[in-house]
Amino acid sequence: TYVDSVKGRFTISRANAKNTLYLEMSSLKAEDTGVYYCAAN
């Protein structure tokens, strides 16, 4: 986790059979507004 404000609220999960990854976000706040990108290292 790189941003303290998302600790305990955001996590990442996988669906291996679908070759898909998810960003799970809860307790969302106005400051979470933005454009979200996933990226492969």
Full PDB file with SEQRES, HELIX, SHEET, SSBOND, CRYST1, ORIGX, SCALE, CONECT and MASTER records, all heavy atoms in Angstrom:
SEQRES   1 A   41  THR TYR VAL ASP SER VAL LYS GLY ARG PHE THR ILE SER          
SEQRES   2 A   41  ARG ALA ASN ALA LYS ASN THR LEU TYR LEU GLU MET SER          
SEQRES   3 A   41  SER LEU LYS ALA GLU ASP THR GLY VAL TYR TYR CYS ALA          
SEQRES   4 A   41  ALA ASN                                                      
HELIX    1 AA1 ASP A    4  VAL A    6  5                                   3    
HELIX    2 AA2 ASN A   16  LYS A   18  5                                   3    
HELIX    3 AA3 ALA A   30  ASP A   32  5                                   3    
SHEET    1 AA1 2 PHE A  10  ALA A  15  0                                        
SHEET    2 AA1 2 THR A  20  MET A  25 -1                                        
CRYST1    1.000    1.000    1.000  90.00  90.00  90.00 P 1           1          
ORIGX1      1.000000  0.000000  0.000000        0.00000                         
ORIGX2      0.000000  1.000000  0.000000        0.00000                         
ORIGX3      0.000000  0.000000  1.000000        0.00000                         
SCALE1      1.000000  0.000000  0.000000        0.00000                         
SCALE2      0.000000  1.000000  0.000000        0.00000                         
SCALE3      0.000000  0.000000  1.000000        0.00000                         
ATOM      1  N   THR A   1       0.850  -1.192   0.000  1.00  0.00           N  
ATOM      2  CA  THR A   1       0.000   0.000   0.000  1.00  0.00           C  
ATOM      3  C   THR A   1       0.881   1.234   0.000  1.00  0.00           C  
ATOM      4  O   THR A   1       1.745   1.391   0.859  1.00  0.00           O  
ATOM      5  CB  THR A   1      -0.920   0.012   1.227  1.00  0.00           C  
ATOM      6  OG1 THR A   1      -1.696  -1.197   1.254  1.00  0.00           O  
ATOM      7  CG2 THR A   1      -1.870   1.200   1.173  1.00  0.00           C  
ATOM      8  N   TYR A   2       0.651   2.121  -0.973  1.00  0.00           N  
ATOM      9  CA  TYR A   2       1.474   3.311  -1.102  1.00  0.00           C  
ATOM     10  C   TYR A   2       0.830   4.556  -0.486  1.00  0.00           C  
ATOM     11  O   TYR A   2       1.534   5.531  -0.205  1.00  0.00           O  
ATOM     12  CB  TYR A   2       1.745   3.593  -2.587  1.00  0.00           C  
ATOM     13  CG  TYR A   2       2.496   2.492  -3.297  1.00  0.00           C  
ATOM     14  CD1 TYR A   2       1.939   1.870  -4.408  1.00  0.00           C  
ATOM     15  CD2 TYR A   2       3.743   2.075  -2.862  1.00  0.00           C  
ATOM     16  CE1 TYR A   2       2.624   0.860  -5.076  1.00  0.00           C  
ATOM     17  CE2 TYR A   2       4.436   1.064  -3.523  1.00  0.00           C  
ATOM     18  CZ  TYR A   2       3.865   0.465  -4.631  1.00  0.00           C  
ATOM     19  OH  TYR A   2       4.541  -0.533  -5.286  1.00  0.00           O  
ATOM     20  N   VAL A   3      -0.467   4.533  -0.318  1.00  0.00           N  
ATOM     21  CA  VAL A   3      -1.193   5.704   0.187  1.00  0.00           C  
ATOM     22  C   VAL A   3      -1.871   5.333   1.496  1.00  0.00           C  
ATOM     23  O   VAL A   3      -2.735   4.447   1.517  1.00  0.00           O  
ATOM     24  CB  VAL A   3      -2.227   6.184  -0.851  1.00  0.00           C  
ATOM     25  CG1 VAL A   3      -3.036   7.344  -0.295  1.00  0.00           C  
ATOM     26  CG2 VAL A   3      -1.532   6.601  -2.141  1.00  0.00           C  
ATOM     27  N   ASP A   4      -1.526   6.008   2.574  1.00  0.00           N  
ATOM     28  CA  ASP A   4      -2.065   5.655   3.886  1.00  0.00           C  
ATOM     29  C   ASP A   4      -3.585   5.769   3.943  1.00  0.00           C  
ATOM     30  O   ASP A   4      -4.248   5.002   4.649  1.00  0.00           O  
ATOM     31  CB  ASP A   4      -1.448   6.552   4.963  1.00  0.00           C  
ATOM     32  CG  ASP A   4      -0.007   6.198   5.257  1.00  0.00           C  
ATOM     33  OD1 ASP A   4       0.433   5.099   4.878  1.00  0.00           O  
ATOM     34  OD2 ASP A   4       0.686   7.037   5.875  1.00  0.00           O  
ATOM     35  N   SER A   5      -4.153   6.687   3.199  1.00  0.00           N  
ATOM     36  CA  SER A   5      -5.587   6.950   3.307  1.00  0.00           C  
ATOM     37  C   SER A   5      -6.447   5.789   2.806  1.00  0.00           C  
ATOM     38  O   SER A   5      -7.639   5.739   3.098  1.00  0.00           O  
ATOM     39  CB  SER A   5      -5.954   8.221   2.541  1.00  0.00           C  
ATOM     40  OG  SER A   5      -5.729   8.063   1.155  1.00  0.00           O  
ATOM     41  N   VAL A   6      -5.860   4.852   2.071  1.00  0.00           N  
ATOM     42  CA  VAL A   6      -6.665   3.734   1.568  1.00  0.00           C  
ATOM     43  C   VAL A   6      -6.476   2.466   2.388  1.00  0.00           C  
ATOM     44  O   VAL A   6      -7.169   1.460   2.158  1.00  0.00           O  
ATOM     45  CB  VAL A   6      -6.369   3.436   0.068  1.00  0.00           C  
ATOM     46  CG1 VAL A   6      -6.529   4.693  -0.773  1.00  0.00           C  
ATOM     47  CG2 VAL A   6      -5.002   2.810  -0.111  1.00  0.00           C  
ATOM     48  N   LYS A   7      -5.581   2.506   3.345  1.00  0.00           N  
ATOM     49  CA  LYS A   7      -5.343   1.323   4.179  1.00  0.00           C  
ATOM     50  C   LYS A   7      -6.614   0.932   4.915  1.00  0.00           C  
ATOM     51  O   LYS A   7      -7.284   1.761   5.514  1.00  0.00           O  
ATOM     52  CB  LYS A   7      -4.217   1.597   5.172  1.00  0.00           C  
ATOM     53  CG  LYS A   7      -2.838   1.612   4.554  1.00  0.00           C  
ATOM     54  CD  LYS A   7      -1.754   1.843   5.596  1.00  0.00           C  
ATOM     55  CE  LYS A   7      -0.367   1.805   4.959  1.00  0.00           C  
ATOM     56  NZ  LYS A   7       0.714   2.063   5.952  1.00  0.00           N  
ATOM     57  N   GLY A   8      -6.908  -0.357   4.876  1.00  0.00           N  
ATOM     58  CA  GLY A   8      -8.116  -0.854   5.522  1.00  0.00           C  
ATOM     59  C   GLY A   8      -9.387  -0.645   4.726  1.00  0.00           C  
ATOM     60  O   GLY A   8     -10.446  -1.159   5.105  1.00  0.00           O  
ATOM     61  N   ARG A   9      -9.304   0.098   3.630  1.00  0.00           N  
ATOM     62  CA  ARG A   9     -10.508   0.342   2.804  1.00  0.00           C  
ATOM     63  C   ARG A   9     -10.384  -0.263   1.406  1.00  0.00           C  
ATOM     64  O   ARG A   9     -11.392  -0.671   0.814  1.00  0.00           O  
ATOM     65  CB  ARG A   9     -10.739   1.850   2.679  1.00  0.00           C  
ATOM     66  CG  ARG A   9     -10.966   2.567   3.991  1.00  0.00           C  
ATOM     67  CD  ARG A   9     -11.432   4.005   3.769  1.00  0.00           C  
ATOM     68  NE  ARG A   9     -10.455   4.811   3.045  1.00  0.00           N  
ATOM     69  CZ  ARG A   9     -10.700   5.400   1.874  1.00  0.00           C  
ATOM     70  NH1 ARG A   9     -11.887   5.274   1.311  1.00  0.00           N  
ATOM     71  NH2 ARG A   9      -9.765   6.136   1.292  1.00  0.00           N  
ATOM     72  N   PHE A  10      -9.194  -0.294   0.862  1.00  0.00           N  
ATOM     73  CA  PHE A  10      -8.968  -0.809  -0.499  1.00  0.00           C  
ATOM     74  C   PHE A  10      -8.146  -2.091  -0.415  1.00  0.00           C  
ATOM     75  O   PHE A  10      -7.232  -2.214   0.413  1.00  0.00           O  
ATOM     76  CB  PHE A  10      -8.186   0.197  -1.342  1.00  0.00           C  
ATOM     77  CG  PHE A  10      -8.934   1.445  -1.739  1.00  0.00           C  
ATOM     78  CD1 PHE A  10     -10.118   1.812  -1.144  1.00  0.00           C  
ATOM     79  CD2 PHE A  10      -8.420   2.252  -2.739  1.00  0.00           C  
ATOM     80  CE1 PHE A  10     -10.790   2.967  -1.509  1.00  0.00           C  
ATOM     81  CE2 PHE A  10      -9.077   3.410  -3.121  1.00  0.00           C  
ATOM     82  CZ  PHE A  10     -10.268   3.774  -2.504  1.00  0.00           C  
ATOM     83  N   THR A  11      -8.444  -3.021  -1.282  1.00  0.00           N  
ATOM     84  CA  THR A  11      -7.626  -4.207  -1.398  1.00  0.00           C  
ATOM     85  C   THR A  11      -7.697  -4.732  -2.823  1.00  0.00           C  
ATOM     86  O   THR A  11      -8.487  -4.240  -3.646  1.00  0.00           O  
ATOM     87  CB  THR A  11      -8.047  -5.291  -0.393  1.00  0.00           C  
ATOM     88  OG1 THR A  11      -7.051  -6.320  -0.358  1.00  0.00           O  
ATOM     89  CG2 THR A  11      -9.386  -5.903  -0.777  1.00  0.00           C  
ATOM     90  N   ILE A  12      -6.855  -5.704  -3.125  1.00  0.00           N  
ATOM     91  CA  ILE A  12      -6.804  -6.288  -4.463  1.00  0.00           C  
ATOM     92  C   ILE A  12      -7.141  -7.764  -4.354  1.00  0.00           C  
ATOM     93  O   ILE A  12      -6.659  -8.462  -3.458  1.00  0.00           O  
ATOM     94  CB  ILE A  12      -5.406  -6.114  -5.086  1.00  0.00           C  
ATOM     95  CG1 ILE A  12      -5.084  -4.622  -5.278  1.00  0.00           C  
ATOM     96  CG2 ILE A  12      -5.311  -6.841  -6.422  1.00  0.00           C  
ATOM     97  CD1 ILE A  12      -3.660  -4.355  -5.750  1.00  0.00           C  
ATOM     98  N   SER A  13      -7.981  -8.236  -5.252  1.00  0.00           N  
ATOM     99  CA  SER A  13      -8.310  -9.661  -5.287  1.00  0.00           C  
ATOM    100  C   SER A  13      -8.122 -10.175  -6.713  1.00  0.00           C  
ATOM    101  O   SER A  13      -8.049  -9.412  -7.663  1.00  0.00           O  
ATOM    102  CB  SER A  13      -9.744  -9.903  -4.812  1.00  0.00           C  
ATOM    103  OG  SER A  13     -10.671  -9.249  -5.652  1.00  0.00           O  
ATOM    104  N   ARG A  14      -8.041 -11.502  -6.806  1.00  0.00           N  
ATOM    105  CA  ARG A  14      -7.785 -12.121  -8.119  1.00  0.00           C  
ATOM    106  C   ARG A  14      -8.915 -13.068  -8.519  1.00  0.00           C  
ATOM    107  O   ARG A  14      -9.551 -13.687  -7.660  1.00  0.00           O  
ATOM    108  CB  ARG A  14      -6.507 -12.968  -8.071  1.00  0.00           C  
ATOM    109  CG  ARG A  14      -5.239 -12.222  -7.748  1.00  0.00           C  
ATOM    110  CD  ARG A  14      -4.079 -13.203  -7.774  1.00  0.00           C  
ATOM    111  NE  ARG A  14      -2.829 -12.641  -7.307  1.00  0.00           N  
ATOM    112  CZ  ARG A  14      -1.979 -11.993  -8.072  1.00  0.00           C  
ATOM    113  NH1 ARG A  14      -2.258 -11.807  -9.355  1.00  0.00           N  
ATOM    114  NH2 ARG A  14      -0.851 -11.522  -7.575  1.00  0.00           N  
ATOM    115  N   ALA A  15      -9.117 -13.208  -9.806  1.00  0.00           N  
ATOM    116  CA  ALA A  15      -9.959 -14.266 -10.375  1.00  0.00           C  
ATOM    117  C   ALA A  15      -9.084 -14.944 -11.426  1.00  0.00           C  
ATOM    118  O   ALA A  15      -9.100 -14.566 -12.605  1.00  0.00           O  
ATOM    119  CB  ALA A  15     -11.234 -13.700 -10.990  1.00  0.00           C  
ATOM    120  N   ASN A  16      -8.318 -15.920 -10.988  1.00  0.00           N  
ATOM    121  CA  ASN A  16      -7.288 -16.495 -11.857  1.00  0.00           C  
ATOM    122  C   ASN A  16      -7.871 -17.115 -13.123  1.00  0.00           C  
ATOM    123  O   ASN A  16      -7.300 -16.992 -14.207  1.00  0.00           O  
ATOM    124  CB  ASN A  16      -6.492 -17.547 -11.080  1.00  0.00           C  
ATOM    125  CG  ASN A  16      -5.705 -16.940  -9.945  1.00  0.00           C  
ATOM    126  OD1 ASN A  16      -5.403 -15.749  -9.949  1.00  0.00           O  
ATOM    127  ND2 ASN A  16      -5.375 -17.748  -8.948  1.00  0.00           N  
ATOM    128  N   ALA A  17      -9.003 -17.773 -12.974  1.00  0.00           N  
ATOM    129  CA  ALA A  17      -9.597 -18.428 -14.133  1.00  0.00           C  
ATOM    130  C   ALA A  17     -10.012 -17.428 -15.206  1.00  0.00           C  
ATOM    131  O   ALA A  17     -10.094 -17.763 -16.382  1.00  0.00           O  
ATOM    132  CB  ALA A  17     -10.802 -19.263 -13.695  1.00  0.00           C  
ATOM    133  N   LYS A  18     -10.257 -16.203 -14.796  1.00  0.00           N  
ATOM    134  CA  LYS A  18     -10.664 -15.158 -15.738  1.00  0.00           C  
ATOM    135  C   LYS A  18      -9.484 -14.280 -16.146  1.00  0.00           C  
ATOM    136  O   LYS A  18      -9.669 -13.336 -16.904  1.00  0.00           O  
ATOM    137  CB  LYS A  18     -11.757 -14.288 -15.119  1.00  0.00           C  
ATOM    138  CG  LYS A  18     -13.051 -15.025 -14.807  1.00  0.00           C  
ATOM    139  CD  LYS A  18     -14.088 -14.070 -14.226  1.00  0.00           C  
ATOM    140  CE  LYS A  18     -15.396 -14.781 -13.929  1.00  0.00           C  
ATOM    141  NZ  LYS A  18     -16.413 -13.860 -13.350  1.00  0.00           N  
ATOM    142  N   ASN A  19      -8.309 -14.567 -15.598  1.00  0.00           N  
ATOM    143  CA  ASN A  19      -7.135 -13.723 -15.839  1.00  0.00           C  
ATOM    144  C   ASN A  19      -7.464 -12.258 -15.539  1.00  0.00           C  
ATOM    145  O   ASN A  19      -7.124 -11.345 -16.306  1.00  0.00           O  
ATOM    146  CB  ASN A  19      -6.651 -13.873 -17.288  1.00  0.00           C  
ATOM    147  CG  ASN A  19      -5.180 -13.524 -17.449  1.00  0.00           C  
ATOM    148  OD1 ASN A  19      -4.407 -13.548 -16.483  1.00  0.00           O  
ATOM    149  ND2 ASN A  19      -4.782 -13.210 -18.674  1.00  0.00           N  
ATOM    150  N   THR A  20      -8.117 -12.073 -14.415  1.00  0.00           N  
ATOM    151  CA  THR A  20      -8.636 -10.752 -14.034  1.00  0.00           C  
ATOM    152  C   THR A  20      -8.261 -10.458 -12.596  1.00  0.00           C  
ATOM    153  O   THR A  20      -8.175 -11.366 -11.757  1.00  0.00           O  
ATOM    154  CB  THR A  20     -10.164 -10.715 -14.199  1.00  0.00           C  
ATOM    155  OG1 THR A  20     -10.498 -10.925 -15.575  1.00  0.00           O  
ATOM    156  CG2 THR A  20     -10.739  -9.372 -13.757  1.00  0.00           C  
ATOM    157  N   LEU A  21      -8.049  -9.182 -12.353  1.00  0.00           N  
ATOM    158  CA  LEU A  21      -7.703  -8.731 -11.024  1.00  0.00           C  
ATOM    159  C   LEU A  21      -8.665  -7.598 -10.678  1.00  0.00           C  
ATOM    160  O   LEU A  21      -9.096  -6.859 -11.574  1.00  0.00           O  
ATOM    161  CB  LEU A  21      -6.250  -8.257 -11.016  1.00  0.00           C  
ATOM    162  CG  LEU A  21      -5.576  -7.901  -9.723  1.00  0.00           C  
ATOM    163  CD1 LEU A  21      -4.131  -8.381  -9.754  1.00  0.00           C  
ATOM    164  CD2 LEU A  21      -5.627  -6.399  -9.529  1.00  0.00           C  
ATOM    165  N   TYR A  22      -8.990  -7.452  -9.400  1.00  0.00           N  
ATOM    166  CA  TYR A  22      -9.972  -6.464  -8.984  1.00  0.00           C  
ATOM    167  C   TYR A  22      -9.391  -5.522  -7.941  1.00  0.00           C  
ATOM    168  O   TYR A  22      -8.592  -5.939  -7.093  1.00  0.00           O  
ATOM    169  CB  TYR A  22     -11.193  -7.149  -8.378  1.00  0.00           C  
ATOM    170  CG  TYR A  22     -11.862  -8.154  -9.285  1.00  0.00           C  
ATOM    171  CD1 TYR A  22     -11.633  -9.509  -9.128  1.00  0.00           C  
ATOM    172  CD2 TYR A  22     -12.725  -7.744 -10.298  1.00  0.00           C  
ATOM    173  CE1 TYR A  22     -12.240 -10.438  -9.956  1.00  0.00           C  
ATOM    174  CE2 TYR A  22     -13.338  -8.668 -11.129  1.00  0.00           C  
ATOM    175  CZ  TYR A  22     -13.088 -10.012 -10.955  1.00  0.00           C  
ATOM    176  OH  TYR A  22     -13.689 -10.929 -11.781  1.00  0.00           O  
ATOM    177  N   LEU A  23      -9.832  -4.285  -8.003  1.00  0.00           N  
ATOM    178  CA  LEU A  23      -9.589  -3.333  -6.924  1.00  0.00           C  
ATOM    179  C   LEU A  23     -10.898  -3.209  -6.166  1.00  0.00           C  
ATOM    180  O   LEU A  23     -11.897  -2.731  -6.699  1.00  0.00           O  
ATOM    181  CB  LEU A  23      -9.152  -1.973  -7.470  1.00  0.00           C  
ATOM    182  CG  LEU A  23      -8.946  -0.886  -6.427  1.00  0.00           C  
ATOM    183  CD1 LEU A  23      -7.801  -1.255  -5.475  1.00  0.00           C  
ATOM    184  CD2 LEU A  23      -8.666   0.470  -7.087  1.00  0.00           C  
ATOM    185  N   GLU A  24     -10.893  -3.678  -4.935  1.00  0.00           N  
ATOM    186  CA  GLU A  24     -12.073  -3.647  -4.081  1.00  0.00           C  
ATOM    187  C   GLU A  24     -11.980  -2.409  -3.197  1.00  0.00           C  
ATOM    188  O   GLU A  24     -11.032  -2.289  -2.409  1.00  0.00           O  
ATOM    189  CB  GLU A  24     -12.141  -4.913  -3.215  1.00  0.00           C  
ATOM    190  CG  GLU A  24     -11.961  -6.216  -3.973  1.00  0.00           C  
ATOM    191  CD  GLU A  24     -13.258  -6.836  -4.433  1.00  0.00           C  
ATOM    192  OE1 GLU A  24     -14.320  -6.187  -4.255  1.00  0.00           O  
ATOM    193  OE2 GLU A  24     -13.210  -7.956  -4.961  1.00  0.00           O  
ATOM    194  N   MET A  25     -12.954  -1.533  -3.311  1.00  0.00           N  
ATOM    195  CA  MET A  25     -12.929  -0.276  -2.567  1.00  0.00           C  
ATOM    196  C   MET A  25     -14.172  -0.179  -1.675  1.00  0.00           C  
ATOM    197  O   MET A  25     -15.291  -0.418  -2.139  1.00  0.00           O  
ATOM    198  CB  MET A  25     -12.895   0.914  -3.529  1.00  0.00           C  
ATOM    199  CG  MET A  25     -11.731   0.859  -4.510  1.00  0.00           C  
ATOM    200  SD  MET A  25     -11.652   2.315  -5.576  1.00  0.00           S  
ATOM    201  CE  MET A  25     -13.123   2.061  -6.572  1.00  0.00           C  
ATOM    202  N   SER A  26     -13.975   0.183  -0.433  1.00  0.00           N  
ATOM    203  CA  SER A  26     -15.090   0.344   0.491  1.00  0.00           C  
ATOM    204  C   SER A  26     -14.911   1.625   1.284  1.00  0.00           C  
ATOM    205  O   SER A  26     -13.844   2.244   1.263  1.00  0.00           O  
ATOM    206  CB  SER A  26     -15.185  -0.862   1.427  1.00  0.00           C  
ATOM    207  OG  SER A  26     -14.020  -0.969   2.208  1.00  0.00           O  
ATOM    208  N   SER A  27     -15.965   2.008   1.987  1.00  0.00           N  
ATOM    209  CA  SER A  27     -15.963   3.249   2.785  1.00  0.00           C  
ATOM    210  C   SER A  27     -15.419   4.414   1.970  1.00  0.00           C  
ATOM    211  O   SER A  27     -14.560   5.174   2.426  1.00  0.00           O  
ATOM    212  CB  SER A  27     -15.139   3.054   4.058  1.00  0.00           C  
ATOM    213  OG  SER A  27     -15.646   1.995   4.833  1.00  0.00           O  
ATOM    214  N   LEU A  28     -15.926   4.540   0.771  1.00  0.00           N  
ATOM    215  CA  LEU A  28     -15.398   5.539  -0.154  1.00  0.00           C  
ATOM    216  C   LEU A  28     -15.654   6.958   0.334  1.00  0.00           C  
ATOM    217  O   LEU A  28     -16.683   7.252   0.951  1.00  0.00           O  
ATOM    218  CB  LEU A  28     -15.996   5.330  -1.538  1.00  0.00           C  
ATOM    219  CG  LEU A  28     -15.366   4.157  -2.309  1.00  0.00           C  
ATOM    220  CD1 LEU A  28     -16.266   3.702  -3.446  1.00  0.00           C  
ATOM    221  CD2 LEU A  28     -13.997   4.544  -2.842  1.00  0.00           C  
ATOM    222  N   LYS A  29     -14.687   7.820   0.029  1.00  0.00           N  
ATOM    223  CA  LYS A  29     -14.744   9.214   0.425  1.00  0.00           C  
ATOM    224  C   LYS A  29     -14.649  10.099  -0.822  1.00  0.00           C  
ATOM    225  O   LYS A  29     -14.183   9.650  -1.868  1.00  0.00           O  
ATOM    226  CB  LYS A  29     -13.575   9.534   1.360  1.00  0.00           C  
ATOM    227  CG  LYS A  29     -13.465   8.623   2.572  1.00  0.00           C  
ATOM    228  CD  LYS A  29     -12.203   8.926   3.359  1.00  0.00           C  
ATOM    229  CE  LYS A  29     -12.057   7.981   4.544  1.00  0.00           C  
ATOM    230  NZ  LYS A  29     -10.823   8.262   5.313  1.00  0.00           N  
ATOM    231  N   ALA A  30     -15.034  11.336  -0.665  1.00  0.00           N  
ATOM    232  CA  ALA A  30     -14.980  12.267  -1.795  1.00  0.00           C  
ATOM    233  C   ALA A  30     -13.558  12.372  -2.362  1.00  0.00           C  
ATOM    234  O   ALA A  30     -13.368  12.501  -3.576  1.00  0.00           O  
ATOM    235  CB  ALA A  30     -15.481  13.637  -1.359  1.00  0.00           C  
ATOM    236  N   GLU A  31     -12.582  12.298  -1.491  1.00  0.00           N  
ATOM    237  CA  GLU A  31     -11.191  12.422  -1.946  1.00  0.00           C  
ATOM    238  C   GLU A  31     -10.689  11.200  -2.707  1.00  0.00           C  
ATOM    239  O   GLU A  31      -9.568  11.203  -3.220  1.00  0.00           O  
ATOM    240  CB  GLU A  31     -10.254  12.720  -0.769  1.00  0.00           C  
ATOM    241  CG  GLU A  31     -10.391  11.775   0.399  1.00  0.00           C  
ATOM    242  CD  GLU A  31     -11.294  12.339   1.494  1.00  0.00           C  
ATOM    243  OE1 GLU A  31     -12.357  12.915   1.162  1.00  0.00           O  
ATOM    244  OE2 GLU A  31     -10.940  12.163   2.673  1.00  0.00           O  
ATOM    245  N   ASP A  32     -11.495  10.146  -2.779  1.00  0.00           N  
ATOM    246  CA  ASP A  32     -11.142   9.000  -3.609  1.00  0.00           C  
ATOM    247  C   ASP A  32     -11.524   9.214  -5.080  1.00  0.00           C  
ATOM    248  O   ASP A  32     -11.225   8.373  -5.930  1.00  0.00           O  
ATOM    249  CB  ASP A  32     -11.846   7.731  -3.104  1.00  0.00           C  
ATOM    250  CG  ASP A  32     -11.367   7.316  -1.721  1.00  0.00           C  
ATOM    251  OD1 ASP A  32     -10.158   7.415  -1.448  1.00  0.00           O  
ATOM    252  OD2 ASP A  32     -12.228   6.913  -0.907  1.00  0.00           O  
ATOM    253  N   THR A  33     -12.189  10.300  -5.355  1.00  0.00           N  
ATOM    254  CA  THR A  33     -12.593  10.609  -6.722  1.00  0.00           C  
ATOM    255  C   THR A  33     -11.383  10.746  -7.630  1.00  0.00           C  
ATOM    256  O   THR A  33     -10.383  11.380  -7.250  1.00  0.00           O  
ATOM    257  CB  THR A  33     -13.412  11.912  -6.754  1.00  0.00           C  
ATOM    258  OG1 THR A  33     -14.644  11.693  -6.066  1.00  0.00           O  
ATOM    259  CG2 THR A  33     -13.704  12.355  -8.180  1.00  0.00           C  
ATOM    260  N   GLY A  34     -11.483  10.156  -8.809  1.00  0.00           N  
ATOM    261  CA  GLY A  34     -10.391  10.257  -9.758  1.00  0.00           C  
ATOM    262  C   GLY A  34     -10.493   9.199 -10.835  1.00  0.00           C  
ATOM    263  O   GLY A  34     -11.441   8.405 -10.858  1.00  0.00           O  
ATOM    264  N   VAL A  35      -9.511   9.197 -11.704  1.00  0.00           N  
ATOM    265  CA  VAL A  35      -9.404   8.169 -12.735  1.00  0.00           C  
ATOM    266  C   VAL A  35      -8.440   7.105 -12.222  1.00  0.00           C  
ATOM    267  O   VAL A  35      -7.322   7.414 -11.813  1.00  0.00           O  
ATOM    268  CB  VAL A  35      -8.912   8.741 -14.070  1.00  0.00           C  
ATOM    269  CG1 VAL A  35      -8.817   7.639 -15.125  1.00  0.00           C  
ATOM    270  CG2 VAL A  35      -9.846   9.852 -14.548  1.00  0.00           C  
ATOM    271  N   TYR A  36      -8.901   5.874 -12.273  1.00  0.00           N  
ATOM    272  CA  TYR A  36      -8.123   4.754 -11.748  1.00  0.00           C  
ATOM    273  C   TYR A  36      -7.568   3.925 -12.900  1.00  0.00           C  
ATOM    274  O   TYR A  36      -8.285   3.622 -13.866  1.00  0.00           O  
ATOM    275  CB  TYR A  36      -8.999   3.876 -10.850  1.00  0.00           C  
ATOM    276  CG  TYR A  36      -9.260   4.504  -9.505  1.00  0.00           C  
ATOM    277  CD1 TYR A  36     -10.118   5.594  -9.380  1.00  0.00           C  
ATOM    278  CD2 TYR A  36      -8.661   3.999  -8.350  1.00  0.00           C  
ATOM    279  CE1 TYR A  36     -10.354   6.174  -8.147  1.00  0.00           C  
ATOM    280  CE2 TYR A  36      -8.893   4.566  -7.112  1.00  0.00           C  
ATOM    281  CZ  TYR A  36      -9.736   5.650  -7.014  1.00  0.00           C  
ATOM    282  OH  TYR A  36      -9.972   6.229  -5.793  1.00  0.00           O  
ATOM    283  N   TYR A  37      -6.304   3.534 -12.755  1.00  0.00           N  
ATOM    284  CA  TYR A  37      -5.619   2.747 -13.778  1.00  0.00           C  
ATOM    285  C   TYR A  37      -5.019   1.501 -13.149  1.00  0.00           C  
ATOM    286  O   TYR A  37      -4.458   1.563 -12.053  1.00  0.00           O  
ATOM    287  CB  TYR A  37      -4.468   3.536 -14.405  1.00  0.00           C  
ATOM    288  CG  TYR A  37      -4.855   4.817 -15.097  1.00  0.00           C  
ATOM    289  CD1 TYR A  37      -4.978   6.004 -14.384  1.00  0.00           C  
ATOM    290  CD2 TYR A  37      -5.076   4.839 -16.471  1.00  0.00           C  
ATOM    291  CE1 TYR A  37      -5.327   7.189 -15.014  1.00  0.00           C  
ATOM    292  CE2 TYR A  37      -5.420   6.014 -17.116  1.00  0.00           C  
ATOM    293  CZ  TYR A  37      -5.546   7.185 -16.374  1.00  0.00           C  
ATOM    294  OH  TYR A  37      -5.880   8.347 -17.015  1.00  0.00           O  
ATOM    295  N   CYS A  38      -5.095   0.385 -13.847  1.00  0.00           N  
ATOM    296  CA  CYS A  38      -4.298  -0.774 -13.466  1.00  0.00           C  
ATOM    297  C   CYS A  38      -3.116  -0.857 -14.430  1.00  0.00           C  
ATOM    298  O   CYS A  38      -3.189  -0.367 -15.567  1.00  0.00           O  
ATOM    299  CB  CYS A  38      -5.111  -2.061 -13.485  1.00  0.00           C  
ATOM    300  SG  CYS A  38      -5.796  -2.560 -15.086  1.00  0.00           S  
ATOM    301  N   ALA A  39      -2.048  -1.475 -13.961  1.00  0.00           N  
ATOM    302  CA  ALA A  39      -0.843  -1.550 -14.783  1.00  0.00           C  
ATOM    303  C   ALA A  39      -0.045  -2.781 -14.399  1.00  0.00           C  
ATOM    304  O   ALA A  39       0.016  -3.156 -13.217  1.00  0.00           O  
ATOM    305  CB  ALA A  39       0.006  -0.295 -14.617  1.00  0.00           C  
ATOM    306  N   ALA A  40       0.569  -3.401 -15.386  1.00  0.00           N  
ATOM    307  CA  ALA A  40       1.383  -4.594 -15.172  1.00  0.00           C  
ATOM    308  C   ALA A  40       2.857  -4.216 -15.120  1.00  0.00           C  
ATOM    309  O   ALA A  40       3.370  -3.546 -16.035  1.00  0.00           O  
ATOM    310  CB  ALA A  40       1.144  -5.609 -16.288  1.00  0.00           C  
ATOM    311  N   ASN A  41       3.501  -4.637 -14.042  1.00  0.00           N  
ATOM    312  CA  ASN A  41       4.935  -4.392 -13.891  1.00  0.00           C  
ATOM    313  C   ASN A  41       5.732  -5.292 -14.833  1.00  0.00           C  
ATOM    314  O   ASN A  41       5.242  -6.341 -15.257  1.00  0.00           O  
ATOM    315  CB  ASN A  41       5.312  -4.661 -12.434  1.00  0.00           C  
ATOM    316  CG  ASN A  41       6.658  -4.122 -12.059  1.00  0.00           C  
ATOM    317  OD1 ASN A  41       7.683  -4.722 -12.375  1.00  0.00           O  
ATOM    318  ND2 ASN A  41       6.673  -2.978 -11.416  1.00  0.00           N  
TER     319      ASN A  41                                                      
MASTER        0    0    0    3    2    0    0    6  318    1    0    4          
END                                                                             
